């Protein structure tokens, strides 16, 4: 189990941050993801494997001026 935005969620072994976003129908370009308090760089989303007990925060990006 991992925690995603405060909710316990099942995950598959080998699941990456990108897999999690796709599973939730989220466009990776529109979100910032933190795992255990550290931002996962956009180019690392497909490489960063989630581990049991990870605390994941998915945040929608808002830009403007």
Protein backbone atom coordinates (compact mmCIF):
# COMPACT_ATOMS: atom_id res chain seq x y z
CA UNK A 1 0.00 0.00 0.00
CA UNK A 2 1.02 3.57 -0.66
CA UNK A 3 -0.59 6.80 0.45
CA UNK A 4 -1.77 9.12 -2.34
CA UNK A 5 -2.94 12.57 -1.26
CA UNK A 6 -3.71 11.17 2.17
CA UNK A 7 -5.60 8.03 1.04
CA UNK A 8 -4.21 4.50 1.28
CA UNK A 9 -4.03 2.96 -2.19
CA UNK A 10 -2.93 -0.43 -3.52
CA UNK A 11 -0.08 -0.44 -5.99
CA UNK A 12 1.58 -3.06 -8.16
CA UNK A 13 5.24 -4.02 -7.72
CA UNK A 14 7.34 -2.05 -10.19
CA UNK A 15 4.71 0.68 -10.54
CA UNK A 16 6.24 4.04 -11.42
CA UNK A 17 4.99 7.54 -10.73
CA UNK A 18 4.03 7.80 -14.41
CA UNK A 19 2.01 4.56 -14.14
CA UNK A 20 0.15 6.02 -11.16
CA UNK A 21 -0.70 9.20 -13.07
CA UNK A 22 -1.88 7.22 -16.11
CA UNK A 23 -3.98 4.93 -13.88
CA UNK A 24 -5.76 8.05 -12.63
CA UNK A 25 -6.13 9.53 -16.15
CA UNK A 26 -3.90 12.48 -15.24
CA UNK A 27 -1.72 14.21 -17.84
CA UNK A 28 1.81 14.21 -16.37
CA UNK A 29 2.55 17.61 -17.89
CA UNK A 30 -0.14 19.21 -15.73
CA UNK A 31 1.00 17.90 -12.35
CA UNK A 32 3.86 18.00 -9.90
CA UNK A 33 4.42 14.85 -7.87
CA UNK A 34 6.17 14.58 -4.53
CA UNK A 35 7.20 11.23 -3.03
CA UNK A 36 8.10 11.27 0.65
CA UNK A 37 8.44 15.04 0.59
CA UNK A 38 10.73 15.26 -2.46
CA UNK A 39 9.66 16.47 -5.91
CA UNK A 40 10.07 13.86 -8.64
CA UNK A 41 11.60 15.54 -11.70
CA UNK A 42 9.44 15.32 -14.82
CA UNK A 43 12.08 13.27 -16.66
CA UNK A 44 12.16 10.77 -13.76
CA UNK A 45 8.41 10.01 -13.66
CA UNK A 46 8.79 6.84 -15.76
CA UNK A 47 11.84 5.69 -13.78
CA UNK A 48 10.85 6.39 -10.18
CA UNK A 49 9.37 3.15 -8.81
CA UNK A 50 6.95 3.45 -5.93
CA UNK A 51 7.68 1.48 -2.78
CA UNK A 52 5.46 0.15 0.00
CA UNK A 53 4.55 2.94 2.46
CA UNK A 54 5.52 5.77 0.09
CA UNK A 55 3.66 9.03 0.73
CA UNK A 56 2.73 10.48 -2.67
CA UNK A 57 1.32 13.96 -3.25
CA UNK A 58 -0.09 14.79 -6.67
CA UNK A 59 -0.53 18.52 -7.16
CA UNK A 60 -2.22 20.27 -10.08
CA UNK A 61 -0.10 23.00 -11.63
CA UNK A 62 -1.66 26.43 -11.95
CA UNK A 63 0.07 29.18 -13.83
CA UNK A 64 -0.85 32.70 -14.58
CA UNK A 65 0.15 36.22 -14.11
